[in-house]
C-alpha atoms as a PDB file:
ATOM      1  CA  MET A   1     100.104 111.560  80.907  1.00  0.00           C
ATOM      2  CA  THR A   2      99.132 114.854  81.638  1.00  0.00           C
ATOM      3  CA  GLU A   3     101.677 117.814  82.635  1.00  0.00           C
ATOM      4  CA  GLU A   4     100.304 118.072  86.138  1.00  0.00           C
ATOM      5  CA  ASN A   5     101.327 114.750  86.847  1.00  0.00           C
ATOM      6  CA  ILE A   6     104.661 114.458  85.969  1.00  0.00           C
ATOM      7  CA  MET A   7     107.261 114.356  88.734  1.00  0.00           C
ATOM      8  CA  PRO A   8     109.990 116.907  88.774  1.00  0.00           C
ATOM      9  CA  PRO A   9     113.491 115.373  88.272  1.00  0.00           C
ATOM     10  CA  GLU A  10     114.655 116.793  91.205  1.00  0.00           C
ATOM     11  CA  VAL A  11     112.575 114.974  93.419  1.00  0.00           C
ATOM     12  CA  LEU A  12     112.685 111.744  91.770  1.00  0.00           C
ATOM     13  CA  ASN A  13     116.331 112.146  91.643  1.00  0.00           C
ATOM     14  CA  CYS A  14     116.535 112.080  95.261  1.00  0.00           C
ATOM     15  CA  GLY A  15     117.701 109.110  96.459  1.00  0.00           C
ATOM     16  CA  ILE A  16     113.910 108.142  97.262  1.00  0.00           C
ATOM     17  CA  SER A  17     112.769 106.809  93.896  1.00  0.00           C
ATOM     18  CA  LEU A  18     113.240 103.556  92.261  1.00  0.00           C
ATOM     19  CA  LYS A  19     115.753 104.377  89.731  1.00  0.00           C
ATOM     20  CA  LEU A  20     116.072 101.533  87.251  1.00  0.00           C
ATOM     21  CA  SER A  21     117.981 101.341  83.487  1.00  0.00           C
ATOM     22  CA  LEU A  22     115.400 100.299  80.747  1.00  0.00           C
ATOM     23  CA  ASN A  23     116.588  96.964  80.315  1.00  0.00           C
ATOM     24  CA  GLU A  24     116.141  96.261  83.880  1.00  0.00           C
ATOM     25  CA  TRP A  25     112.470  97.969  84.180  1.00  0.00           C
ATOM     26  CA  LYS A  26     111.658  95.577  81.040  1.00  0.00           C
ATOM     27  CA  VAL A  27     112.576  92.383  83.366  1.00  0.00           C
ATOM     28  CA  LEU A  28     110.666  93.695  86.392  1.00  0.00           C
ATOM     29  CA  TYR A  29     107.425  94.183  83.938  1.00  0.00           C
ATOM     30  CA  TYR A  30     107.293  91.116  82.312  1.00  0.00           C
ATOM     31  CA  ALA A  31     108.559  89.391  85.706  1.00  0.00           C
ATOM     32  CA  PRO A  32     104.813  88.926  87.091  1.00  0.00           C
ATOM     33  CA  THR A  33     103.808  87.334  83.657  1.00  0.00           C
ATOM     34  CA  SER A  34     106.629  84.988  83.522  1.00  0.00           C
ATOM     35  CA  ASN A  35     106.879  81.694  85.180  1.00  0.00           C
ATOM     36  CA  THR A  36     110.032  81.400  83.762  1.00  0.00           C
ATOM     37  CA  LEU A  37     113.301  83.169  82.781  1.00  0.00           C
ATOM     38  CA  SER A  38     112.981  81.983  79.125  1.00  0.00           C
ATOM     39  CA  LYS A  39     109.488  83.806  79.140  1.00  0.00           C
ATOM     40  CA  ILE A  40     110.936  86.948  80.060  1.00  0.00           C
ATOM     41  CA  SER A  41     113.508  86.894  77.572  1.00  0.00           C
ATOM     42  CA  GLU A  42     111.349  86.090  75.154  1.00  0.00           C
ATOM     43  CA  GLN A  43     108.191  88.622  76.160  1.00  0.00           C
ATOM     44  CA  ALA A  44     111.143  91.624  76.968  1.00  0.00           C
ATOM     45  CA  LYS A  45     113.265  90.758  73.464  1.00  0.00           C
ATOM     46  CA  LEU A  46     116.566  90.432  75.344  1.00  0.00           C
ATOM     47  CA  PRO A  47     119.053  87.466  75.310  1.00  0.00           C
ATOM     48  CA  TYR A  48     118.800  84.948  77.982  1.00  0.00           C
ATOM     49  CA  SER A  49     122.302  85.395  79.335  1.00  0.00           C
ATOM     50  CA  THR A  50     121.253  89.522  79.778  1.00  0.00           C
ATOM     51  CA  VAL A  51     118.509  88.732  81.586  1.00  0.00           C
ATOM     52  CA  ILE A  52     120.465  86.318  84.151  1.00  0.00           C
ATOM     53  CA  ASP A  53     122.872  89.075  84.553  1.00  0.00           C
ATOM     54  CA  ILE A  54     119.824  91.521  85.237  1.00  0.00           C
ATOM     55  CA  ILE A  55     118.272  89.470  87.718  1.00  0.00           C
ATOM     56  CA  ARG A  56     121.510  89.024  89.377  1.00  0.00           C
ATOM     57  CA  ARG A  57     121.912  92.739  89.491  1.00  0.00           C
ATOM     58  CA  LEU A  58     118.607  93.711  90.973  1.00  0.00           C
ATOM     59  CA  GLN A  59     119.049  90.506  93.404  1.00  0.00           C
ATOM     60  CA  GLU A  60     122.401  92.837  94.706  1.00  0.00           C
ATOM     61  CA  SER A  61     120.054  95.872  94.847  1.00  0.00           C
ATOM     62  CA  LYS A  62     117.300  93.592  97.325  1.00  0.00           C
ATOM     63  CA  ILE A  63     114.685  93.753  94.267  1.00  0.00           C
ATOM     64  CA  SER A  64     113.626  90.077  94.122  1.00  0.00           C
ATOM     65  CA  MET A  65     110.179  88.160  92.913  1.00  0.00           C
ATOM     66  CA  HIS A  66     108.112  85.746  94.184  1.00  0.00           C
ATOM     67  CA  PHE A  67     106.251  83.006  92.997  1.00  0.00           C
ATOM     68  CA  VAL A  68     102.563  83.926  94.403  1.00  0.00           C
ATOM     69  CA  PRO A  69     100.243  80.873  94.479  1.00  0.00           C
ATOM     70  CA  ASN A  70      96.441  81.223  94.460  1.00  0.00           C
ATOM     71  CA  LEU A  71      96.124  80.496  98.404  1.00  0.00           C
ATOM     72  CA  GLY A  72      92.187  79.755  98.166  1.00  0.00           C
ATOM     73  CA  LEU A  73      93.659  76.637  96.107  1.00  0.00           C
ATOM     74  CA  MET A  74      95.537  75.430  98.897  1.00  0.00           C
ATOM     75  CA  GLY A  75      93.344  76.402 101.659  1.00  0.00           C
ATOM     76  CA  LEU A  76      95.746  79.138 103.081  1.00  0.00           C
ATOM     77  CA  LYS A  77      94.562  82.599 104.315  1.00  0.00           C
ATOM     78  CA  TYR A  78      96.428  85.479 105.413  1.00  0.00           C
ATOM     79  CA  VAL A  79      95.832  87.116 108.672  1.00  0.00           C
ATOM     80  CA  PHE A  80      96.160  90.292 110.685  1.00  0.00           C
ATOM     81  CA  LEU A  81      95.756  91.139 113.792  1.00  0.00           C
ATOM     82  CA  LEU A  82      96.196  94.346 115.950  1.00  0.00           C
ATOM     83  CA  PHE A  83      97.103  94.311 119.555  1.00  0.00           C
ATOM     84  CA  PRO A  84      97.580  96.994 121.871  1.00  0.00           C
ATOM     85  CA  GLY A  85     101.257  97.659 123.630  1.00  0.00           C
ATOM     86  CA  PRO A  86     104.778  95.932 122.572  1.00  0.00           C
ATOM     87  CA  PRO A  87     105.562  93.181 120.992  1.00  0.00           C
ATOM     88  CA  PHE A  88     104.935  89.302 122.844  1.00  0.00           C
ATOM     89  CA  ARG A  89     107.534  87.176 123.983  1.00  0.00           C
ATOM     90  CA  GLU A  90     106.521  84.253 121.665  1.00  0.00           C
ATOM     91  CA  TYR A  91     103.910  83.760 119.055  1.00  0.00           C
ATOM     92  CA  PRO A  92     102.059  80.502 117.470  1.00  0.00           C
ATOM     93  CA  LEU A  93     103.358  78.849 114.484  1.00  0.00           C
ATOM     94  CA  TYR A  94     102.526  80.441 111.013  1.00  0.00           C
ATOM     95  CA  THR A  95     103.702  83.763 111.970  1.00  0.00           C
ATOM     96  CA  LEU A  96     105.065  85.486 109.010  1.00  0.00           C
ATOM     97  CA  ARG A  97     105.744  88.971 110.631  1.00  0.00           C
ATOM     98  CA  ILE A  98     105.597  91.306 113.595  1.00  0.00           C
ATOM     99  CA  TYR A  99     105.149  94.891 113.603  1.00  0.00           C
ATOM    100  CA  ARG A 100     105.848  97.498 116.186  1.00  0.00           C
ATOM    101  CA  LEU A 101     103.492 100.074 115.327  1.00  0.00           C
ATOM    102  CA  ILE A 102     103.006 103.939 116.842  1.00  0.00           C
ATOM    103  CA  GLY A 103      99.604 105.348 115.856  1.00  0.00           C
ATOM    104  CA  LYS A 104      96.508 107.373 117.457  1.00  0.00           C
ATOM    105  CA  GLN A 105      95.289 106.365 120.720  1.00  0.00           C
ATOM    106  CA  ILE A 106      91.887 104.232 120.385  1.00  0.00           C
ATOM    107  CA  PHE A 107      90.841 104.525 124.045  1.00  0.00           C
ATOM    108  CA  PRO A 108      91.833 107.274 126.586  1.00  0.00           C
ATOM    109  CA  GLY A 109      94.744 106.256 129.031  1.00  0.00           C
ATOM    110  CA  ILE A 110      95.884 103.536 126.631  1.00  0.00           C
ATOM    111  CA  THR A 111      99.383 104.515 125.082  1.00  0.00           C
ATOM    112  CA  GLY A 112      99.069 104.455 120.493  1.00  0.00           C
ATOM    113  CA  LEU A 113     101.746 101.584 120.702  1.00  0.00           C
ATOM    114  CA  TYR A 114     100.552  98.347 119.074  1.00  0.00           C
ATOM    115  CA  THR A 115     101.751  95.107 117.679  1.00  0.00           C
ATOM    116  CA  GLY A 116     100.704  93.886 114.130  1.00  0.00           C
ATOM    117  CA  VAL A 117     100.948  90.303 113.440  1.00  0.00           C
ATOM    118  CA  LEU A 118     100.867  88.630 110.024  1.00  0.00           C
ATOM    119  CA  GLY A 119     100.608  85.143 109.687  1.00  0.00           C
ATOM    120  CA  LEU A 120     100.101  82.768 106.716  1.00  0.00           C
ATOM    121  CA  VAL A 121      97.179  80.104 108.373  1.00  0.00           C
ATOM    122  CA  PRO A 122      96.057  76.852 107.248  1.00  0.00           C
ATOM    123  CA  GLU A 123      92.115  77.828 106.513  1.00  0.00           C
ATOM    124  CA  SER A 124      90.921  75.287 109.318  1.00  0.00           C
ATOM    125  CA  GLN A 125      93.419  76.208 111.733  1.00  0.00           C
ATOM    126  CA  VAL A 126      92.273  80.178 111.699  1.00  0.00           C
ATOM    127  CA  SER A 127      90.256  80.878 114.658  1.00  0.00           C
ATOM    128  CA  ASN A 128      92.645  78.308 116.763  1.00  0.00           C
ATOM    129  CA  TYR A 129      95.493  81.255 115.226  1.00  0.00           C
ATOM    130  CA  VAL A 130      93.691  83.905 116.743  1.00  0.00           C
ATOM    131  CA  LYS A 131      92.513  82.504 120.110  1.00  0.00           C
ATOM    132  CA  SER A 132      96.075  81.334 120.580  1.00  0.00           C
ATOM    133  CA  PHE A 133      97.019  84.833 121.404  1.00  0.00           C
ATOM    134  CA  GLY A 134      95.284  84.345 124.894  1.00  0.00           C
ATOM    135  CA  MET A 135      93.516  88.220 123.939  1.00  0.00           C
ATOM    136  CA  GLN A 136      91.106  89.855 121.529  1.00  0.00           C
ATOM    137  CA  PRO A 137      92.792  91.951 119.064  1.00  0.00           C
ATOM    138  CA  GLU A 138      91.779  95.342 118.622  1.00  0.00           C
ATOM    139  CA  PHE A 139      91.570  94.752 114.703  1.00  0.00           C
ATOM    140  CA  GLN A 140      91.739  91.685 112.405  1.00  0.00           C
ATOM    141  CA  ILE A 141      91.425  90.908 109.146  1.00  0.00           C
ATOM    142  CA  VAL A 142      91.127  87.001 107.748  1.00  0.00           C
ATOM    143  CA  GLY A 143      91.889  88.000 104.388  1.00  0.00           C
ATOM    144  CA  GLU A 144      90.221  86.545 101.115  1.00  0.00           C
ATOM    145  CA  GLU A 145      92.791  87.890  99.177  1.00  0.00           C
ATOM    146  CA  TYR A 146      96.168  89.530  99.152  1.00  0.00           C
ATOM    147  CA  LYS A 147      97.798  91.404  96.798  1.00  0.00           C
ATOM    148  CA  HIS A 148     101.167  92.673  95.655  1.00  0.00           C
ATOM    149  CA  TRP A 149     102.325  96.137  93.714  1.00  0.00           C
ATOM    150  CA  THR A 150     103.488  94.758  90.244  1.00  0.00           C
ATOM    151  CA  PRO A 151     105.508  97.067  87.459  1.00  0.00           C
ATOM    152  CA  ASN A 152     102.880  96.726  85.316  1.00  0.00           C
ATOM    153  CA  GLY A 153      99.783  98.206  87.718  1.00  0.00           C
ATOM    154  CA  LYS A 154      97.864 100.166  86.245  1.00  0.00           C
ATOM    155  CA  LEU A 155      98.508 103.106  88.363  1.00  0.00           C
ATOM    156  CA  THR A 156     102.416 102.724  87.664  1.00  0.00           C
ATOM    157  CA  ARG A 157     104.865 103.943  84.483  1.00  0.00           C
ATOM    158  CA  TYR A 158     108.093 104.236  83.810  1.00  0.00           C
ATOM    159  CA  ASP A 159     109.689 107.569  82.783  1.00  0.00           C
ATOM    160  CA  THR A 160     112.325 106.753  80.241  1.00  0.00           C
ATOM    161  CA  ALA A 161     114.106 110.350  80.080  1.00  0.00           C
ATOM    162  CA  LEU A 162     114.656 109.915  84.041  1.00  0.00           C
ATOM    163  CA  GLY A 163     114.981 105.948  84.643  1.00  0.00           C
ATOM    164  CA  VAL A 164     112.557 105.905  87.269  1.00  0.00           C
ATOM    165  CA  VAL A 165     109.267 104.385  88.357  1.00  0.00           C
ATOM    166  CA  VAL A 166     106.536 107.074  88.817  1.00  0.00           C
ATOM    167  CA  PRO A 167     102.739 106.609  89.414  1.00  0.00           C
ATOM    168  CA  ASP A 168     100.174 107.614  86.982  1.00  0.00           C
ATOM    169  CA  ILE A 169      97.383 108.595  87.982  1.00  0.00           C
ATOM    170  CA  GLU A 170      95.597 109.037  84.764  1.00  0.00           C
ATOM    171  CA  ASN A 171      93.774 105.632  85.078  1.00  0.00           C
ATOM    172  CA  ILE A 172      92.927 106.672  88.292  1.00  0.00           C
ATOM    173  CA  ASP A 173      89.527 106.232  87.808  1.00  0.00           C
ATOM    174  CA  ASP A 174      89.417 102.791  85.659  1.00  0.00           C
ATOM    175  CA  ALA A 175      91.773 101.462  88.799  1.00  0.00           C
ATOM    176  CA  ILE A 176      89.170 102.232  91.185  1.00  0.00           C
ATOM    177  CA  LEU A 177      86.101 101.055  88.787  1.00  0.00           C
ATOM    178  CA  THR A 178      87.968  97.511  88.494  1.00  0.00           C
ATOM    179  CA  SER A 179      88.765  96.929  91.951  1.00  0.00           C
ATOM    180  CA  MET A 180      84.867  96.826  92.582  1.00  0.00           C
ATOM    181  CA  SER A 181      84.883  93.367  91.107  1.00  0.00           C
ATOM    182  CA  PRO A 182      84.010  90.270  92.857  1.00  0.00           C
ATOM    183  CA  ILE A 183      86.335  88.559  95.132  1.00  0.00           C
ATOM    184  CA  ILE A 184      86.114  84.796  93.329  1.00  0.00           C
ATOM    185  CA  ARG A 185      86.127  82.414  96.188  1.00  0.00           C
ATOM    186  CA  GLN A 186      87.469  78.448  94.716  1.00  0.00           C
ATOM    187  CA  GLU A 187      87.421  75.079  96.290  1.00  0.00           C
ATOM    188  CA  ARG A 188      90.933  73.896  97.619  1.00  0.00           C
ATOM    189  CA  LYS A 189      92.862  71.317  96.129  1.00  0.00           C
ATOM    190  CA  TRP A 190      94.458  68.427  97.590  1.00  0.00           C
ATOM    191  CA  ILE A 191      98.302  70.254  98.286  1.00  0.00           C
ATOM    192  CA  ASP A 192     100.659  66.957  99.635  1.00  0.00           C
ATOM    193  CA  TRP A 193     103.915  67.879 101.297  1.00  0.00           C
ATOM    194  CA  ILE A 194     105.870  67.573  97.716  1.00  0.00           C
ATOM    195  CA  ASP A 195     103.584  70.454  96.653  1.00  0.00           C
ATOM    196  CA  LEU A 196     103.827  72.355  99.663  1.00  0.00           C
ATOM    197  CA  LEU A 197     107.451  72.791  99.792  1.00  0.00           C
ATOM    198  CA  ILE A 198     108.181  73.387  96.253  1.00  0.00           C
ATOM    199  CA  VAL A 199     105.561  76.523  97.034  1.00  0.00           C
ATOM    200  CA  TYR A 200     107.577  77.432  99.891  1.00  0.00           C
ATOM    201  CA  PHE A 201     110.801  78.053  97.912  1.00  0.00           C
ATOM    202  CA  LYS A 202     109.550  79.466  94.975  1.00  0.00           C
ATOM    203  CA  MET A 203     107.530  81.899  97.386  1.00  0.00           C
ATOM    204  CA  LYS A 204     111.240  82.857  98.733  1.00  0.00           C
ATOM    205  CA  TYR A 205     112.210  83.492  94.659  1.00  0.00           C
ATOM    206  CA  ALA A 206     110.063  82.716  91.939  1.00  0.00           C
ATOM    207  CA  TYR A 207     113.002  81.024  89.684  1.00  0.00           C
ATOM    208  CA  THR A 208     114.225  78.766  92.038  1.00  0.00           C
ATOM    209  CA  LYS A 209     115.217  75.792  90.027  1.00  0.00           C
ATOM    210  CA  LEU A 210     113.428  72.424  91.187  1.00  0.00           C
ATOM    211  CA  SER A 211     117.571  71.031  91.471  1.00  0.00           C
ATOM    212  CA  GLU A 212     118.237  73.786  94.356  1.00  0.00           C
ATOM    213  CA  VAL A 213     114.535  72.901  95.798  1.00  0.00           C
ATOM    214  CA  HIS A 214     115.474  69.681  96.094  1.00  0.00           C
ATOM    215  CA  SER A 215     119.126  70.104  97.662  1.00  0.00           C
ATOM    216  CA  SER A 216     117.411  72.628 100.443  1.00  0.00           C
ATOM    217  CA  ILE A 217     114.690  70.365 101.477  1.00  0.00           C
ATOM    218  CA  ARG A 218     117.008  68.401 103.954  1.00  0.00           C
ATOM    219  CA  ARG A 219     119.033  71.553 104.700  1.00  0.00           C
ATOM    220  CA  VAL A 220     116.539  73.388 105.586  1.00  0.00           C
ATOM    221  CA  PHE A 221     113.733  70.954 106.902  1.00  0.00           C
ATOM    222  CA  GLY A 222     116.239  67.736 107.622  1.00  0.00           C
ATOM    223  CA  ILE A 223     113.552  65.367 105.768  1.00  0.00           C
ATOM    224  CA  ASP A 224     114.644  63.050 102.703  1.00  0.00           C
ATOM    225  CA  PRO A 225     113.617  65.026  99.691  1.00  0.00           C
ATOM    226  CA  PRO A 226     111.530  62.942  97.153  1.00  0.00           C
ATOM    227  CA  SER A 227     113.535  61.754  93.576  1.00  0.00           C
ATOM    228  CA  ARG A 228     113.942  64.752  91.207  1.00  0.00           C
ATOM    229  CA  GLN A 229     111.673  63.162  88.682  1.00  0.00           C
ATOM    230  CA  LEU A 230     108.546  62.911  91.374  1.00  0.00           C
ATOM    231  CA  MET A 231     109.514  66.863  91.379  1.00  0.00           C
ATOM    232  CA  SER A 232     109.466  67.350  88.231  1.00  0.00           C
ATOM    233  CA  TYR A 233     105.676  65.664  88.222  1.00  0.00           C
ATOM    234  CA  HIS A 234     104.606  67.710  90.930  1.00  0.00           C
ATOM    235  CA  TYR A 235     105.628  71.040  90.028  1.00  0.00           C
ATOM    236  CA  ARG A 236     103.944  70.406  86.457  1.00  0.00           C
ATOM    237  CA  SER A 237     101.068  68.783  87.611  1.00  0.00           C
ATOM    238  CA  HIS A 238     100.479  70.350  91.075  1.00  0.00           C
ATOM    239  CA  VAL A 239     102.313  73.332  91.331  1.00  0.00           C
ATOM    240  CA  ALA A 240     102.353  75.292  88.523  1.00  0.00           C
ATOM    241  CA  PRO A 241      98.664  75.082  88.037  1.00  0.00           C
ATOM    242  CA  LEU A 242      98.973  77.283  91.626  1.00  0.00           C
ATOM    243  CA  TRP A 243     100.653  79.981  90.091  1.00  0.00           C
ATOM    244  CA  THR A 244      98.999  83.089  89.825  1.00  0.00           C
ATOM    245  CA  TYR A 245     101.905  85.983  89.207  1.00  0.00           C
ATOM    246  CA  ASN A 246     105.135  86.624  90.385  1.00  0.00           C
ATOM    247  CA  SER A 247     105.486  89.749  92.792  1.00  0.00           C
ATOM    248  CA  VAL A 248     108.123  92.087  92.847  1.00  0.00           C
ATOM    249  CA  SER A 249     109.665  93.041  96.213  1.00  0.00           C
ATOM    250  CA  TYR A 250     112.109  95.783  96.824  1.00  0.00           C
ATOM    251  CA  GLU A 251     112.459  99.042  99.580  1.00  0.00           C
ATOM    252  CA  LEU A 252     113.393 102.591  99.865  1.00  0.00           C
ATOM    253  CA  PRO A 253     115.899 103.516 102.643  1.00  0.00           C
ATOM    254  CA  LYS A 254     113.455 103.386 105.676  1.00  0.00           C
ATOM    255  CA  THR A 255     115.424 106.190 107.441  1.00  0.00           C
ATOM    256  CA  SER A 256     114.053 108.413 104.649  1.00  0.00           C
ATOM    257  CA  VAL A 257     110.962 106.998 104.046  1.00  0.00           C
ATOM    258  CA  PRO A 258     109.132 105.064 107.165  1.00  0.00           C
ATOM    259  CA  GLU A 259     107.174 102.158 106.455  1.00  0.00           C
ATOM    260  CA  LYS A 260     103.237 102.881 107.177  1.00  0.00           C
ATOM    261  CA  ILE A 261     100.359 100.628 107.601  1.00  0.00           C
ATOM    262  CA  TYR A 262      96.851 102.087 106.319  1.00  0.00           C
ATOM    263  CA  ILE A 263      93.694 100.346 107.934  1.00  0.00           C
ATOM    264  CA  PHE A 264      90.082 100.302 106.514  1.00  0.00           C
ATOM    265  CA  LYS A 265      87.050  99.367 107.276  1.00  0.00           C
ATOM    266  CA  GLY A 266      83.584  99.380 105.502  1.00  0.00           C
ATOM    267  CA  PRO A 267      82.062  97.264 102.168  1.00  0.00           C
ATOM    268  CA  HIS A 268      84.648  99.553  99.691  1.00  0.00           C
ATOM    269  CA  SER A 269      87.548  98.403 101.872  1.00  0.00           C
ATOM    270  CA  LYS A 270      88.890  95.712  99.239  1.00  0.00           C
ATOM    271  CA  VAL A 271      88.230  98.617  96.681  1.00  0.00           C
ATOM    272  CA  ILE A 272      90.870 101.046  98.146  1.00  0.00           C
ATOM    273  CA  THR A 273      93.214  98.412  98.871  1.00  0.00           C
ATOM    274  CA  ARG A 274      92.987  96.884  95.237  1.00  0.00           C
ATOM    275  CA  THR A 275      93.488 100.267  93.951  1.00  0.00           C
ATOM    276  CA  LEU A 276      96.018 101.429  96.336  1.00  0.00           C
ATOM    277  CA  VAL A 277      98.408  98.558  95.394  1.00  0.00           C
ATOM    278  CA  GLU A 278      98.387 100.067  91.593  1.00  0.00           C
ATOM    279  CA  VAL A 279     100.648 102.491  92.894  1.00  0.00           C
ATOM    280  CA  PRO A 280     104.577 101.940  93.286  1.00  0.00           C
ATOM    281  CA  PHE A 281     105.411 102.217  96.595  1.00  0.00           C
ATOM    282  CA  PHE A 282     102.148 100.927  98.360  1.00  0.00           C
ATOM    283  CA  LEU A 283     103.263  97.356  98.022  1.00  0.00           C
ATOM    284  CA  GLU A 284     101.023  94.864  99.268  1.00  0.00           C
ATOM    285  CA  GLY A 285      97.776  94.459 100.707  1.00  0.00           C
ATOM    286  CA  LEU A 286      95.131  92.342 102.347  1.00  0.00           C
ATOM    287  CA  TYR A 287      91.300  92.602 102.411  1.00  0.00           C
ATOM    288  CA  SER A 288      87.919  90.872 102.817  1.00  0.00           C
ATOM    289  CA  GLU A 289      84.767  92.177 101.656  1.00  0.00           C
ATOM    290  CA  ASP A 290      84.395  94.772 104.427  1.00  0.00           C
ATOM    291  CA  THR A 291      88.041  95.580 105.785  1.00  0.00           C
ATOM    292  CA  GLY A 292      91.704  96.167 104.246  1.00  0.00           C
ATOM    293  CA  LEU A 293      95.229  96.745 105.072  1.00  0.00           C
ATOM    294  CA  VAL A 294      98.046  98.214 102.939  1.00  0.00           C
ATOM    295  CA  VAL A 295     101.884  98.147 103.442  1.00  0.00           C
ATOM    296  CA  GLY A 296     103.259 100.969 101.803  1.00  0.00           C
ATOM    297  CA  GLN A 297     106.228 103.168 101.828  1.00  0.00           C
ATOM    298  CA  PRO A 298     105.219 106.173  99.897  1.00  0.00           C
ATOM    299  CA  PRO A 299     107.927 109.241  99.374  1.00  0.00           C
ATOM    300  CA  SER A 300     106.280 112.727 100.453  1.00  0.00           C
ATOM    301  CA  TYR A 301     105.593 113.021  96.585  1.00  0.00           C
ATOM    302  CA  VAL A 302     103.387 110.199  96.382  1.00  0.00           C
ATOM    303  CA  GLU A 303     101.392 110.430  99.321  1.00  0.00           C
ATOM    304  CA  PRO A 304      98.962 112.858  97.617  1.00  0.00           C
ATOM    305  CA  ILE A 305      98.153 110.287  95.602  1.00  0.00           C
ATOM    306  CA  PHE A 306      96.538 108.190  98.953  1.00  0.00           C
ATOM    307  CA  TYR A 307      94.121 111.078  99.527  1.00  0.00           C
ATOM    308  CA  THR A 308      93.133 111.256  95.770  1.00  0.00           C
ATOM    309  CA  VAL A 309      92.232 107.543  96.298  1.00  0.00           C
ATOM    310  CA  LEU A 310      90.756 108.273  99.738  1.00  0.00           C
ATOM    311  CA  SER A 311      88.567 111.450  98.463  1.00  0.00           C
ATOM    312  CA  LYS A 312      87.120 108.867  95.942  1.00  0.00           C
ATOM    313  CA  VAL A 313      86.222 105.961  98.086  1.00  0.00           C
ATOM    314  CA  ASN A 314      83.999 105.774 100.937  1.00  0.00           C
ATOM    315  CA  VAL A 315      85.997 104.090 103.531  1.00  0.00           C
ATOM    316  CA  GLU A 316      86.466 104.103 107.441  1.00  0.00           C
ATOM    317  CA  MET A 317      89.709 104.595 109.039  1.00  0.00           C
ATOM    318  CA  PRO A 318      89.168 103.425 112.621  1.00  0.00           C
ATOM    319  CA  ILE A 319      92.651 103.296 113.414  1.00  0.00           C
ATOM    320  CA  GLY A 320      94.273 105.854 111.165  1.00  0.00           C
ATOM    321  CA  ILE A 321      97.439 105.114 109.713  1.00  0.00           C
ATOM    322  CA  LEU A 322     100.117 103.549 111.922  1.00  0.00           C
ATOM    323  CA  LEU A 323     103.841 104.128 111.615  1.00  0.00           C
ATOM    324  CA  VAL A 324     106.465 101.021 111.624  1.00  0.00           C
ATOM    325  CA  GLU A 325     108.579 101.348 114.027  1.00  0.00           C
ATOM    326  CA  LYS A 326     110.349  97.932 113.303  1.00  0.00           C
ATOM    327  CA  SER A 327     109.080  94.677 111.897  1.00  0.00           C
ATOM    328  CA  TRP A 328     110.496  90.835 112.043  1.00  0.00           C
ATOM    329  CA  ASN A 329     110.187  88.242 109.854  1.00  0.00           C
ATOM    330  CA  PHE A 330     109.572  84.588 110.522  1.00  0.00           C
ATOM    331  CA  GLU A 331     109.245  81.335 108.331  1.00  0.00           C
ATOM    332  CA  TRP A 332     105.853  80.098 108.621  1.00  0.00           C
ATOM    333  CA  LEU A 333     106.526  76.430 107.782  1.00  0.00           C
ATOM    334  CA  THR A 334     109.357  74.742 110.633  1.00  0.00           C
ATOM    335  CA  GLN A 335     110.842  71.451 110.248  1.00  0.00           C
ATOM    336  CA  ASP A 336     108.415  70.059 113.087  1.00  0.00           C
ATOM    337  CA  ALA A 337     105.415  70.952 111.235  1.00  0.00           C
ATOM    338  CA  VAL A 338     106.244  70.215 107.884  1.00  0.00           C
ATOM    339  CA  LYS A 339     106.850  66.694 109.362  1.00  0.00           C
ATOM    340  CA  TYR A 340     103.760  66.823 110.925  1.00  0.00           C
ATOM    341  CA  TYR A 341     102.268  67.797 107.549  1.00  0.00           C
ATOM    342  CA  LYS A 342     103.842  64.863 105.997  1.00  0.00           C
ATOM    343  CA  GLU A 343     103.128  62.126 108.640  1.00  0.00           C
ATOM    344  CA  ASN A 344      99.469  63.208 108.915  1.00  0.00           C
ATOM    345  CA  SER A 345      98.149  64.905 105.822  1.00  0.00           C
ATOM    346  CA  GLU A 346      97.396  67.707 107.710  1.00  0.00           C
ATOM    347  CA  HIS A 347      98.395  71.007 109.245  1.00  0.00           C
ATOM    348  CA  PRO A 348      99.301  71.240 113.554  1.00  0.00           C
ATOM    349  CA  ASP A 349      97.532  73.353 115.264  1.00  0.00           C
ATOM    350  CA  PRO A 350      98.842  76.939 116.037  1.00  0.00           C
ATOM    351  CA  SER A 351      99.942  76.005 119.194  1.00  0.00           C
ATOM    352  CA  PHE A 352     101.803  72.856 118.252  1.00  0.00           C
ATOM    353  CA  GLN A 353     104.796  74.953 118.059  1.00  0.00           C
ATOM    354  CA  ARG A 354     106.019  78.361 120.175  1.00  0.00           C
ATOM    355  CA  ILE A 355     108.275  81.090 118.285  1.00  0.00           C
ATOM    356  CA  LYS A 356     110.484  82.680 121.018  1.00  0.00           C
ATOM    357  CA  PHE A 357     111.104  86.405 120.368  1.00  0.00           C
ATOM    358  CA  GLU A 358     113.202  88.742 122.052  1.00  0.00           C
ATOM    359  CA  GLU A 359     113.474  92.425 120.462  1.00  0.00           C
ATOM    360  CA  LYS A 360     116.712  93.415 119.314  1.00  0.00           C
END
C-alpha cells in the first residue's frame, strides 16, 4: 500500500473503526469461504477450540456470520421500494426491513422524508408485493443480485500494527474492472419446506447446527420438525449446494457514524454497487442491470473512497444519499406462511398476511 493510503493512527483509534486482534481477523477473513468451523480452523491454522472462543467473542461484540444462499436457485429476490412520507402502519408478508429516511426533495412542496422497504420476496410474487402497497414507489429495485461486504474483499485489508480493518484503494481499478462482469442468472430449483427452514436458520447464523435447527422449528414455526436423519439428508443434498459464501455483519456506533443509503441509476449501477461493497463499512448492495443501492456506515476517513469510485464510474444518483434516521427488522417468514408452503408447495400471496407496525 502506498504511503498516501495509510490512515493516521489517531483516526483509526478514535472508536469508529473495526478493531480486531490478529486471530479474530483470521477467523473473519476465512469465514466467507468456510461452510464449517472446522474449515475455518484448517484455513486459519488455529485450534478448533480457539475458533469457537473467537466466534463467541465476536458475537458478544455483535459481529456475526450469515449463510448467503443462491437466491436465483431458490426463486427469491430482494426488492427495495422507496416511498415519500413516514412509515406505513402495516406491511405485506416478506417484508424484511423498514427504513425511516431523510434526503433531498424530489418534487417542490413534498418533504424529503422517505420510507424505504426491503423485502425478500418469491420471484412469482414480486409484482403482487409491489402492488400490495396501494401506491407507486418513487424508486424501486428488483435485485438480480445481493452482495455483502466480506473481509476478503479486494478493497479491504487488515493493518497488523494498528489492529484495525482499513480500506485499500490500491486495487480500485481492478475492482471496478472485475465488477463489470455480467450478472449470471440460474434456473430455479425445487426447494421444499425442509430446505427452506434450514436455509432460514442458517441465514441467521451460518454455523447453526442441524440439531439446533431441529429444536427451533417447533418453537419458532409451531410445526413438527422432520427427523434429524431426514434433515441431514436435505442439508447435504439440497441446502449445501445453495451456499455461495458467508457474509460478515457488524455496525459502528450510529450516534457517531449514521447509516446511509446510496441509490444509483444507469447501466453502470451494478459496477459501482459491486465495487463499493469491496470497501469496509459499505455493508451490503442490491442491484439489477440499471439500478443499484448500497447500505453503508462509512466514517469520515472512508467517505473520500466513495467519491473516488463515483468519479471513475458513470452513474446517476437521482435521489442522492439518504440518511437512515431509524430502521426496524422483521421476519420474512411467519408461522402461517411456512404452514401454507408446507401444505401447498408454493409461497402465499403477500396479502396473505399483513404485518402491523407502530413506530417506537
